[in-house]
Amino acid sequence: MSVYAIFLFFMQKIFSLFSFNHNSESKKLQLLYAFGFTFFTVIALGIDSVAFKNHYFDGRNVTNILAIIYFFLIYFVSDKHLKKLMFVMIFLSYLGEVIFSTILGMYLYRTEQIPLYVPFGHSIVYASGFIFAKTNWAKANELLLRKIFIAFFLVLFLCVGFFLNDYFSLIFGVFFFAILKRKKMDNLYSFIALCVIFIELVGTYFQCWTWIPKTFGVIPAANPPMGAIFFYGGGDVLLVKIVSLIEKRSEKK
């Protein structure tokens, strides 16, 4: 049995223990928390920063608590589909952290352990981008936003590649566009990518984590590399597929 099959089986069993049928959706609160994501990120990661630790105390546990609280604030005002996505994202992102940070060593946290807030943070990032993408304004301006996003990411990857020698972003930026093409240029992944860029810039600024200068000892990368959004995008595609498969299996039963 493959790792993917085991993970899918594991998530299906967990799903059976929880009820996602209760719809407590509130569009206004969703949007409020999505916008609040930016302020929350600065505050939460600032508390986990090296500077905060040196001047006051190690705020890691405070950030852990804040992330869990903010996760549930968004979770409880979301519809059942987004709840499922957020729930699975916690486990999927932790698995990704083990692979990319612990095993491959592409980036390192300021401590040896993966912080508890990280999986919840990934879920918050996904939910925020999801909420922005589903607004009436985003839907009404879908084609215009698509053109803006394509131009923005293209210029971004080229600039960091040539001016910062971030060849990591040049390489994986191509793969990111491949994901967009496969998903028919769905703006959802671009909105999530913007949230990812923001949290990466804040997290590396506060030295909560640091990207290795040469990925795999070969590919030069900035800190953070903008091409990292490819890995988030790939995880997002996998997330949607996992939830879809679980829902189909549940319907058959």
C-alpha atoms as a PDB file:
ATOM      1  CA  MET A   1       0.000   0.000   0.000  1.00  0.00           C
ATOM      2  CA  SER A   2       1.394   3.423  -0.986  1.00  0.00           C
ATOM      3  CA  VAL A   3       1.907   6.340   1.423  1.00  0.00           C
ATOM      4  CA  TYR A   4      -0.861   8.210  -0.397  1.00  0.00           C
ATOM      5  CA  ALA A   5      -3.287   5.295   0.046  1.00  0.00           C
ATOM      6  CA  ILE A   6      -2.414   5.021   3.732  1.00  0.00           C
ATOM      7  CA  PHE A   7      -2.916   8.766   4.212  1.00  0.00           C
ATOM      8  CA  LEU A   8      -6.258   8.641   2.389  1.00  0.00           C
ATOM      9  CA  PHE A   9      -7.407   5.698   4.517  1.00  0.00           C
ATOM     10  CA  PHE A  10      -6.270   7.501   7.678  1.00  0.00           C
ATOM     11  CA  MET A  11      -8.146  10.695   6.758  1.00  0.00           C
ATOM     12  CA  GLN A  12     -11.312   8.767   5.868  1.00  0.00           C
ATOM     13  CA  LYS A  13     -11.307   7.139   9.305  1.00  0.00           C
ATOM     14  CA  ILE A  14     -10.870  10.519  10.986  1.00  0.00           C
ATOM     15  CA  PHE A  15     -13.675  11.967   8.852  1.00  0.00           C
ATOM     16  CA  SER A  16     -15.974   9.247  10.149  1.00  0.00           C
ATOM     17  CA  LEU A  17     -15.392  10.507  13.692  1.00  0.00           C
ATOM     18  CA  PHE A  18     -16.384  14.095  12.890  1.00  0.00           C
ATOM     19  CA  SER A  19     -19.545  15.588  11.510  1.00  0.00           C
ATOM     20  CA  PHE A  20     -19.093  18.281   8.861  1.00  0.00           C
ATOM     21  CA  ASN A  21     -22.778  18.565   8.053  1.00  0.00           C
ATOM     22  CA  HIS A  22     -23.400  21.533  10.321  1.00  0.00           C
ATOM     23  CA  ASN A  23     -23.321  24.643   8.134  1.00  0.00           C
ATOM     24  CA  SER A  24     -22.446  27.741  10.156  1.00  0.00           C
ATOM     25  CA  GLU A  25     -21.309  29.779   7.168  1.00  0.00           C
ATOM     26  CA  SER A  26     -20.973  33.541   7.578  1.00  0.00           C
ATOM     27  CA  LYS A  27     -19.567  35.332   4.527  1.00  0.00           C
ATOM     28  CA  LYS A  28     -18.957  38.578   6.388  1.00  0.00           C
ATOM     29  CA  LEU A  29     -17.008  36.956   9.203  1.00  0.00           C
ATOM     30  CA  GLN A  30     -15.091  34.811   6.729  1.00  0.00           C
ATOM     31  CA  LEU A  31     -13.949  37.891   4.838  1.00  0.00           C
ATOM     32  CA  LEU A  32     -13.127  39.694   8.085  1.00  0.00           C
ATOM     33  CA  TYR A  33     -10.891  36.845   9.233  1.00  0.00           C
ATOM     34  CA  ALA A  34      -9.325  36.527   5.772  1.00  0.00           C
ATOM     35  CA  PHE A  35      -8.291  40.192   5.848  1.00  0.00           C
ATOM     36  CA  GLY A  36      -7.286  39.781   9.494  1.00  0.00           C
ATOM     37  CA  PHE A  37      -4.896  37.035   8.366  1.00  0.00           C
ATOM     38  CA  THR A  38      -2.300  39.701   7.511  1.00  0.00           C
ATOM     39  CA  PHE A  39      -2.391  41.331  10.953  1.00  0.00           C
ATOM     40  CA  PHE A  40      -2.534  37.961  12.679  1.00  0.00           C
ATOM     41  CA  THR A  41       0.526  36.740  10.740  1.00  0.00           C
ATOM     42  CA  VAL A  42       2.647  39.720  11.739  1.00  0.00           C
ATOM     43  CA  ILE A  43       1.649  39.476  15.400  1.00  0.00           C
ATOM     44  CA  ALA A  44       1.904  35.683  15.701  1.00  0.00           C
ATOM     45  CA  LEU A  45       5.226  35.329  13.877  1.00  0.00           C
ATOM     46  CA  GLY A  46       6.575  38.420  15.615  1.00  0.00           C
ATOM     47  CA  ILE A  47       6.004  36.695  18.957  1.00  0.00           C
ATOM     48  CA  ASP A  48       7.866  33.619  17.686  1.00  0.00           C
ATOM     49  CA  SER A  49      10.715  35.746  16.330  1.00  0.00           C
ATOM     50  CA  VAL A  50      14.354  35.618  17.359  1.00  0.00           C
ATOM     51  CA  ALA A  51      14.210  39.266  18.438  1.00  0.00           C
ATOM     52  CA  PHE A  52      11.204  38.644  20.717  1.00  0.00           C
ATOM     53  CA  LYS A  53      12.957  35.673  22.283  1.00  0.00           C
ATOM     54  CA  ASN A  54      16.148  37.675  22.888  1.00  0.00           C
ATOM     55  CA  HIS A  55      14.349  40.661  24.415  1.00  0.00           C
ATOM     56  CA  TYR A  56      11.515  38.976  26.314  1.00  0.00           C
ATOM     57  CA  PHE A  57      10.973  35.205  26.308  1.00  0.00           C
ATOM     58  CA  ASP A  58      10.473  32.317  23.915  1.00  0.00           C
ATOM     59  CA  GLY A  59       7.014  33.036  22.543  1.00  0.00           C
ATOM     60  CA  ARG A  60       6.619  29.796  20.592  1.00  0.00           C
ATOM     61  CA  ASN A  61       3.847  28.430  22.820  1.00  0.00           C
ATOM     62  CA  VAL A  62       1.956  31.727  22.653  1.00  0.00           C
ATOM     63  CA  THR A  63       2.078  31.603  18.860  1.00  0.00           C
ATOM     64  CA  ASN A  64       0.936  27.972  18.933  1.00  0.00           C
ATOM     65  CA  ILE A  65      -2.134  28.940  20.945  1.00  0.00           C
ATOM     66  CA  LEU A  66      -2.892  31.968  18.769  1.00  0.00           C
ATOM     67  CA  ALA A  67      -2.701  29.875  15.585  1.00  0.00           C
ATOM     68  CA  ILE A  68      -5.081  27.232  16.936  1.00  0.00           C
ATOM     69  CA  ILE A  69      -7.548  29.906  18.070  1.00  0.00           C
ATOM     70  CA  TYR A  70      -7.446  31.712  14.724  1.00  0.00           C
ATOM     71  CA  PHE A  71      -7.864  28.418  12.893  1.00  0.00           C
ATOM     72  CA  PHE A  72     -11.072  27.691  14.770  1.00  0.00           C
ATOM     73  CA  LEU A  73     -12.347  31.252  14.313  1.00  0.00           C
ATOM     74  CA  ILE A  74     -12.273  30.716  10.541  1.00  0.00           C
ATOM     75  CA  TYR A  75     -13.341  27.077  10.810  1.00  0.00           C
ATOM     76  CA  PHE A  76     -16.555  27.790  12.717  1.00  0.00           C
ATOM     77  CA  VAL A  77     -17.784  30.434  10.233  1.00  0.00           C
ATOM     78  CA  SER A  78     -17.047  28.293   7.155  1.00  0.00           C
ATOM     79  CA  ASP A  79     -19.284  25.992   5.148  1.00  0.00           C
ATOM     80  CA  LYS A  80     -18.836  22.239   5.436  1.00  0.00           C
ATOM     81  CA  HIS A  81     -16.665  21.969   2.304  1.00  0.00           C
ATOM     82  CA  LEU A  82     -14.119  24.534   3.480  1.00  0.00           C
ATOM     83  CA  LYS A  83     -14.153  22.925   6.923  1.00  0.00           C
ATOM     84  CA  LYS A  84     -13.121  19.616   5.363  1.00  0.00           C
ATOM     85  CA  LEU A  85     -10.367  21.298   3.360  1.00  0.00           C
ATOM     86  CA  MET A  86      -9.020  23.095   6.441  1.00  0.00           C
ATOM     87  CA  PHE A  87      -9.157  19.935   8.523  1.00  0.00           C
ATOM     88  CA  VAL A  88      -7.268  17.775   6.018  1.00  0.00           C
ATOM     89  CA  MET A  89      -4.791  20.581   5.354  1.00  0.00           C
ATOM     90  CA  ILE A  90      -3.475  20.312   8.924  1.00  0.00           C
ATOM     91  CA  PHE A  91      -2.357  16.712   8.422  1.00  0.00           C
ATOM     92  CA  LEU A  92      -1.247  17.162   4.814  1.00  0.00           C
ATOM     93  CA  SER A  93       0.882  20.204   5.609  1.00  0.00           C
ATOM     94  CA  TYR A  94       2.563  18.475   8.538  1.00  0.00           C
ATOM     95  CA  LEU A  95       3.502  15.629   6.222  1.00  0.00           C
ATOM     96  CA  GLY A  96       4.875  18.205   3.793  1.00  0.00           C
ATOM     97  CA  GLU A  97       6.917  19.835   6.559  1.00  0.00           C
ATOM     98  CA  VAL A  98       8.492  16.501   7.453  1.00  0.00           C
ATOM     99  CA  ILE A  99       9.418  15.883   3.811  1.00  0.00           C
ATOM    100  CA  PHE A 100      10.663  19.326   2.775  1.00  0.00           C
ATOM    101  CA  SER A 101      12.153  20.570   6.044  1.00  0.00           C
ATOM    102  CA  THR A 102      13.185  17.556   8.132  1.00  0.00           C
ATOM    103  CA  ILE A 103      14.130  15.107   5.351  1.00  0.00           C
ATOM    104  CA  LEU A 104      15.167  17.309   2.402  1.00  0.00           C
ATOM    105  CA  GLY A 105      16.369  20.231   4.524  1.00  0.00           C
ATOM    106  CA  MET A 106      15.162  22.906   2.110  1.00  0.00           C
ATOM    107  CA  TYR A 107      14.492  25.270   5.009  1.00  0.00           C
ATOM    108  CA  LEU A 108      15.055  25.174   8.759  1.00  0.00           C
ATOM    109  CA  TYR A 109      13.064  26.507  11.693  1.00  0.00           C
ATOM    110  CA  ARG A 110      14.792  28.372  14.503  1.00  0.00           C
ATOM    111  CA  THR A 111      14.449  25.217  16.598  1.00  0.00           C
ATOM    112  CA  GLU A 112      14.924  21.591  15.584  1.00  0.00           C
ATOM    113  CA  GLN A 113      11.238  20.760  16.023  1.00  0.00           C
ATOM    114  CA  ILE A 114       8.530  21.714  13.554  1.00  0.00           C
ATOM    115  CA  PRO A 115       6.408  24.296  15.424  1.00  0.00           C
ATOM    116  CA  LEU A 116       2.875  23.230  16.290  1.00  0.00           C
ATOM    117  CA  TYR A 117       1.488  26.418  14.768  1.00  0.00           C
ATOM    118  CA  VAL A 118       2.830  25.619  11.291  1.00  0.00           C
ATOM    119  CA  PRO A 119       0.207  23.034  10.162  1.00  0.00           C
ATOM    120  CA  PHE A 120      -2.566  25.258  11.507  1.00  0.00           C
ATOM    121  CA  GLY A 121      -0.913  28.236   9.817  1.00  0.00           C
ATOM    122  CA  HIS A 122      -0.918  26.445   6.464  1.00  0.00           C
ATOM    123  CA  SER A 123      -4.619  25.776   6.900  1.00  0.00           C
ATOM    124  CA  ILE A 124      -5.254  29.448   7.702  1.00  0.00           C
ATOM    125  CA  VAL A 125      -3.299  30.483   4.599  1.00  0.00           C
ATOM    126  CA  TYR A 126      -5.322  28.140   2.410  1.00  0.00           C
ATOM    127  CA  ALA A 127      -8.647  29.234   3.908  1.00  0.00           C
ATOM    128  CA  SER A 128      -7.791  32.941   3.492  1.00  0.00           C
ATOM    129  CA  GLY A 129      -6.915  32.525  -0.181  1.00  0.00           C
ATOM    130  CA  PHE A 130     -10.003  30.357  -0.685  1.00  0.00           C
ATOM    131  CA  ILE A 131     -12.273  33.000   0.862  1.00  0.00           C
ATOM    132  CA  PHE A 132     -10.787  35.814  -1.240  1.00  0.00           C
ATOM    133  CA  ALA A 133     -11.189  33.742  -4.422  1.00  0.00           C
ATOM    134  CA  LYS A 134     -14.855  33.036  -3.684  1.00  0.00           C
ATOM    135  CA  THR A 135     -15.916  36.652  -3.132  1.00  0.00           C
ATOM    136  CA  ASN A 136     -18.404  38.197  -5.567  1.00  0.00           C
ATOM    137  CA  TRP A 137     -15.791  40.807  -6.523  1.00  0.00           C
ATOM    138  CA  ALA A 138     -13.230  38.134  -7.443  1.00  0.00           C
ATOM    139  CA  LYS A 139     -15.800  36.233  -9.497  1.00  0.00           C
ATOM    140  CA  ALA A 140     -16.976  39.369 -11.303  1.00  0.00           C
ATOM    141  CA  ASN A 141     -13.402  40.322 -12.210  1.00  0.00           C
ATOM    142  CA  GLU A 142     -12.144  36.812 -12.885  1.00  0.00           C
ATOM    143  CA  LEU A 143     -10.670  37.426 -16.347  1.00  0.00           C
ATOM    144  CA  LEU A 144      -9.006  40.714 -15.399  1.00  0.00           C
ATOM    145  CA  LEU A 145      -7.539  39.235 -12.225  1.00  0.00           C
ATOM    146  CA  ARG A 146      -6.248  36.248 -14.184  1.00  0.00           C
ATOM    147  CA  LYS A 147      -4.277  38.544 -16.509  1.00  0.00           C
ATOM    148  CA  ILE A 148      -2.936  40.562 -13.575  1.00  0.00           C
ATOM    149  CA  PHE A 149      -1.876  37.442 -11.690  1.00  0.00           C
ATOM    150  CA  ILE A 150      -0.099  35.969 -14.714  1.00  0.00           C
ATOM    151  CA  ALA A 151       1.806  39.196 -15.343  1.00  0.00           C
ATOM    152  CA  PHE A 152       2.631  39.641 -11.652  1.00  0.00           C
ATOM    153  CA  PHE A 153       4.023  36.159 -11.087  1.00  0.00           C
ATOM    154  CA  LEU A 154       5.928  36.183 -14.376  1.00  0.00           C
ATOM    155  CA  VAL A 155       7.647  39.482 -13.519  1.00  0.00           C
ATOM    156  CA  LEU A 156       8.211  38.322  -9.925  1.00  0.00           C
ATOM    157  CA  PHE A 157       9.968  35.090 -10.898  1.00  0.00           C
ATOM    158  CA  LEU A 158      12.121  36.812 -13.520  1.00  0.00           C
ATOM    159  CA  CYS A 159      13.125  39.659 -11.187  1.00  0.00           C
ATOM    160  CA  VAL A 160      14.157  37.499  -8.228  1.00  0.00           C
ATOM    161  CA  GLY A 161      15.891  35.123 -10.603  1.00  0.00           C
ATOM    162  CA  PHE A 162      18.057  37.704 -12.330  1.00  0.00           C
ATOM    163  CA  PHE A 163      18.504  40.289  -9.566  1.00  0.00           C
ATOM    164  CA  LEU A 164      18.765  37.962  -6.552  1.00  0.00           C
ATOM    165  CA  ASN A 165      20.234  34.925  -8.357  1.00  0.00           C
ATOM    166  CA  ASP A 166      17.211  32.998  -7.157  1.00  0.00           C
ATOM    167  CA  TYR A 167      17.355  30.215  -9.728  1.00  0.00           C
ATOM    168  CA  PHE A 168      15.152  28.141  -7.439  1.00  0.00           C
ATOM    169  CA  SER A 169      12.286  30.512  -8.263  1.00  0.00           C
ATOM    170  CA  LEU A 170      13.036  30.487 -11.976  1.00  0.00           C
ATOM    171  CA  ILE A 171      12.877  26.695 -12.057  1.00  0.00           C
ATOM    172  CA  PHE A 172       9.910  26.097  -9.799  1.00  0.00           C
ATOM    173  CA  GLY A 173       8.110  29.157 -11.134  1.00  0.00           C
ATOM    174  CA  VAL A 174       7.779  27.241 -14.401  1.00  0.00           C
ATOM    175  CA  PHE A 175       6.217  24.346 -12.504  1.00  0.00           C
ATOM    176  CA  PHE A 176       3.857  26.764 -10.753  1.00  0.00           C
ATOM    177  CA  PHE A 177       2.589  28.000 -14.115  1.00  0.00           C
ATOM    178  CA  ALA A 178       2.210  24.366 -15.165  1.00  0.00           C
ATOM    179  CA  ILE A 179      -0.122  23.857 -12.180  1.00  0.00           C
ATOM    180  CA  LEU A 180      -2.113  26.943 -13.133  1.00  0.00           C
ATOM    181  CA  LYS A 181      -2.452  25.695 -16.690  1.00  0.00           C
ATOM    182  CA  ARG A 182      -3.558  22.269 -15.499  1.00  0.00           C
ATOM    183  CA  LYS A 183      -6.166  23.881 -13.237  1.00  0.00           C
ATOM    184  CA  LYS A 184      -7.374  26.102 -16.115  1.00  0.00           C
ATOM    185  CA  MET A 185      -5.774  29.210 -14.604  1.00  0.00           C
ATOM    186  CA  ASP A 186      -8.105  29.083 -11.615  1.00  0.00           C
ATOM    187  CA  ASN A 187      -7.537  32.290  -9.622  1.00  0.00           C
ATOM    188  CA  LEU A 188      -7.925  30.309  -6.395  1.00  0.00           C
ATOM    189  CA  TYR A 189      -4.302  29.165  -6.606  1.00  0.00           C
ATOM    190  CA  SER A 190      -3.091  32.692  -7.316  1.00  0.00           C
ATOM    191  CA  PHE A 191      -4.923  34.118  -4.299  1.00  0.00           C
ATOM    192  CA  ILE A 192      -3.436  31.380  -2.110  1.00  0.00           C
ATOM    193  CA  ALA A 193       0.007  32.075  -3.621  1.00  0.00           C
ATOM    194  CA  LEU A 194      -0.258  35.738  -2.611  1.00  0.00           C
ATOM    195  CA  CYS A 195      -1.029  34.694   0.972  1.00  0.00           C
ATOM    196  CA  VAL A 196       1.932  32.299   0.856  1.00  0.00           C
ATOM    197  CA  ILE A 197       4.295  35.013  -0.347  1.00  0.00           C
ATOM    198  CA  PHE A 198       3.166  37.279   2.470  1.00  0.00           C
ATOM    199  CA  ILE A 199       3.645  34.682   5.207  1.00  0.00           C
ATOM    200  CA  GLU A 200       7.026  33.640   3.766  1.00  0.00           C
ATOM    201  CA  LEU A 201       8.288  37.221   3.751  1.00  0.00           C
ATOM    202  CA  VAL A 202       7.104  37.827   7.313  1.00  0.00           C
ATOM    203  CA  GLY A 203       8.364  34.498   8.657  1.00  0.00           C
ATOM    204  CA  THR A 204      11.854  34.845   7.188  1.00  0.00           C
ATOM    205  CA  TYR A 205      12.046  38.496   8.236  1.00  0.00           C
ATOM    206  CA  PHE A 206      11.416  37.498  11.861  1.00  0.00           C
ATOM    207  CA  GLN A 207      13.802  34.522  11.434  1.00  0.00           C
ATOM    208  CA  CYS A 208      11.121  32.033  12.425  1.00  0.00           C
ATOM    209  CA  TRP A 209      12.528  29.902   9.597  1.00  0.00           C
ATOM    210  CA  THR A 210      15.323  30.249   7.054  1.00  0.00           C
ATOM    211  CA  TRP A 211      15.677  28.837   3.549  1.00  0.00           C
ATOM    212  CA  ILE A 212      18.962  27.146   2.707  1.00  0.00           C
ATOM    213  CA  PRO A 213      21.083  29.256   0.265  1.00  0.00           C
ATOM    214  CA  LYS A 214      21.513  26.281  -2.076  1.00  0.00           C
ATOM    215  CA  THR A 215      18.628  23.829  -2.319  1.00  0.00           C
ATOM    216  CA  PHE A 216      19.880  20.239  -2.541  1.00  0.00           C
ATOM    217  CA  GLY A 217      23.357  21.809  -2.390  1.00  0.00           C
ATOM    218  CA  VAL A 218      23.023  22.880  -6.019  1.00  0.00           C
ATOM    219  CA  ILE A 219      20.196  25.347  -6.767  1.00  0.00           C
ATOM    220  CA  PRO A 220      20.769  28.941  -5.500  1.00  0.00           C
ATOM    221  CA  ALA A 221      17.736  30.248  -3.605  1.00  0.00           C
ATOM    222  CA  ALA A 222      16.767  33.527  -1.988  1.00  0.00           C
ATOM    223  CA  ASN A 223      15.430  33.701   1.551  1.00  0.00           C
ATOM    224  CA  PRO A 224      12.574  33.169   0.901  1.00  0.00           C
ATOM    225  CA  PRO A 225      12.459  31.937  -2.695  1.00  0.00           C
ATOM    226  CA  MET A 226       9.298  33.039  -4.480  1.00  0.00           C
ATOM    227  CA  GLY A 227       9.245  29.700  -6.297  1.00  0.00           C
ATOM    228  CA  ALA A 228       8.205  28.090  -3.011  1.00  0.00           C
ATOM    229  CA  ILE A 229       4.611  28.800  -4.009  1.00  0.00           C
ATOM    230  CA  PHE A 230       4.887  25.825  -6.379  1.00  0.00           C
ATOM    231  CA  PHE A 231       5.098  23.425  -3.432  1.00  0.00           C
ATOM    232  CA  TYR A 232       2.116  25.071  -1.774  1.00  0.00           C
ATOM    233  CA  GLY A 233       0.233  24.934  -5.066  1.00  0.00           C
ATOM    234  CA  GLY A 234       1.012  21.251  -5.499  1.00  0.00           C
ATOM    235  CA  GLY A 235      -0.148  20.598  -1.959  1.00  0.00           C
ATOM    236  CA  ASP A 236      -3.366  22.524  -2.625  1.00  0.00           C
ATOM    237  CA  VAL A 237      -4.119  20.403  -5.696  1.00  0.00           C
ATOM    238  CA  LEU A 238      -3.490  17.239  -3.680  1.00  0.00           C
ATOM    239  CA  LEU A 239      -5.669  18.568  -0.854  1.00  0.00           C
ATOM    240  CA  VAL A 240      -8.675  19.082  -3.126  1.00  0.00           C
ATOM    241  CA  LYS A 241      -8.188  15.627  -4.635  1.00  0.00           C
ATOM    242  CA  ILE A 242      -8.017  13.944  -1.219  1.00  0.00           C
ATOM    243  CA  VAL A 243     -11.178  15.635   0.055  1.00  0.00           C
ATOM    244  CA  SER A 244     -12.982  14.833  -3.200  1.00  0.00           C
ATOM    245  CA  LEU A 245     -12.036  11.142  -2.987  1.00  0.00           C
ATOM    246  CA  ILE A 246     -13.103  10.929   0.655  1.00  0.00           C
ATOM    247  CA  GLU A 247     -16.451  12.557  -0.147  1.00  0.00           C
ATOM    248  CA  LYS A 248     -17.046  10.145  -3.054  1.00  0.00           C
ATOM    249  CA  ARG A 249     -16.248   7.113  -0.876  1.00  0.00           C
ATOM    250  CA  SER A 250     -18.552   8.411   1.835  1.00  0.00           C
ATOM    251  CA  GLU A 251     -21.375   8.873  -0.679  1.00  0.00           C
ATOM    252  CA  LYS A 252     -20.958   5.298  -1.932  1.00  0.00           C
ATOM    253  CA  LYS A 253     -21.244   3.984   1.620  1.00  0.00           C
END
